[in-house]
Amino acid sequence: MPEHVEDRGGAAVEDSAVRTAVVEATGERGASGYPRYAGHGVVADIDPGTRTVEALLVDGSELDYGLTALVRDWQPG
């Protein structure tokens, strides 16, 4: 999601996302040393203690400056 959005029109930060993806644990650890998650074109190393995205590729590329990634629990339905 963009770090800076001038007018969200009352929308939550998460609702300003450019792209979302549901990722699942791969059972591997990434170069960062944290567990790796993958799905829908996204590969992320996520610190389970802080829920911080430590490394991220979207469709094989790093994020452009000005974009940030957030971890959010997914609830089906």
Protein backbone atom coordinates (compact mmCIF):
# COMPACT_ATOMS: atom_id res chain seq x y z
CA MET A 1 0.00 0.00 0.00
CA PRO A 2 1.16 3.55 -0.56
CA GLU A 3 2.84 5.07 2.50
CA HIS A 4 1.16 8.38 1.82
CA VAL A 5 -2.38 8.80 0.61
CA GLU A 6 -3.64 12.39 0.54
CA ASP A 7 -7.34 11.68 1.00
CA ARG A 8 -8.64 8.27 1.94
CA GLY A 9 -12.20 9.56 2.14
CA GLY A 10 -12.54 8.03 5.60
CA ALA A 11 -11.23 4.61 4.48
CA ALA A 12 -8.92 2.65 6.75
CA VAL A 13 -5.23 2.43 5.88
CA GLU A 14 -5.67 -1.23 4.88
CA ASP A 15 -8.44 -0.27 2.45
CA SER A 16 -5.94 1.86 0.50
CA ALA A 17 -4.00 -1.22 -0.58
CA VAL A 18 -2.78 -1.36 -4.16
CA ARG A 19 -2.60 -5.15 -4.02
CA THR A 20 -3.41 -7.90 -1.57
CA ALA A 21 -2.39 -11.55 -1.43
CA VAL A 22 -3.11 -14.52 0.77
CA VAL A 23 0.18 -16.22 1.59
CA GLU A 24 0.91 -19.51 3.34
CA ALA A 25 3.98 -20.75 5.17
CA THR A 26 6.36 -22.65 2.89
CA GLY A 27 8.24 -24.39 5.70
CA GLU A 28 11.45 -22.69 4.55
CA ARG A 29 13.42 -19.79 5.97
CA GLY A 30 14.35 -16.88 3.75
CA ALA A 31 17.70 -15.12 3.44
CA SER A 32 16.57 -12.85 6.29
CA GLY A 33 16.37 -15.90 8.57
CA TYR A 34 12.63 -15.52 9.10
CA PRO A 35 9.94 -17.97 7.97
CA ARG A 36 9.02 -17.67 4.29
CA TYR A 37 5.44 -17.30 3.08
CA ALA A 38 4.25 -17.41 -0.52
CA GLY A 39 1.09 -17.10 -2.59
CA HIS A 40 -0.56 -15.13 -5.39
CA GLY A 41 2.75 -13.81 -6.76
CA VAL A 42 4.06 -12.70 -3.37
CA VAL A 43 7.02 -14.18 -1.49
CA ALA A 44 7.64 -12.72 1.96
CA ASP A 45 9.88 -13.37 4.95
CA ILE A 46 7.83 -12.44 8.01
CA ASP A 47 8.99 -12.11 11.63
CA PRO A 48 6.31 -14.06 13.54
CA GLY A 49 7.06 -12.21 16.80
CA THR A 50 6.53 -8.68 15.50
CA ARG A 51 4.57 -9.53 12.31
CA THR A 52 7.03 -7.35 10.39
CA VAL A 53 7.68 -8.07 6.72
CA GLU A 54 11.47 -8.44 6.60
CA ALA A 55 11.82 -9.25 2.89
CA LEU A 56 9.31 -9.12 0.06
CA LEU A 57 9.06 -9.88 -3.63
CA VAL A 58 5.94 -9.14 -5.66
CA ASP A 59 5.88 -10.90 -9.02
CA GLY A 60 9.64 -11.45 -8.63
CA SER A 61 10.51 -7.79 -7.94
CA GLU A 62 11.12 -5.71 -4.84
CA LEU A 63 8.59 -3.02 -3.93
CA ASP A 64 9.08 0.48 -5.28
CA TYR A 65 9.99 3.20 -2.79
CA GLY A 66 6.90 4.74 -1.25
CA LEU A 67 5.10 1.40 -0.93
CA THR A 68 4.91 -0.59 2.27
CA ALA A 69 3.67 -4.05 3.23
CA LEU A 70 1.41 -4.94 6.16
CA VAL A 71 0.53 -8.29 7.67
CA ARG A 72 -3.13 -8.86 8.38
CA ASP A 73 -4.90 -12.03 9.50
CA TRP A 74 -7.18 -13.39 6.83
CA GLN A 75 -10.63 -14.62 7.75
CA PRO A 76 -12.44 -16.61 5.05
CA GLY A 77 -15.97 -15.68 4.25
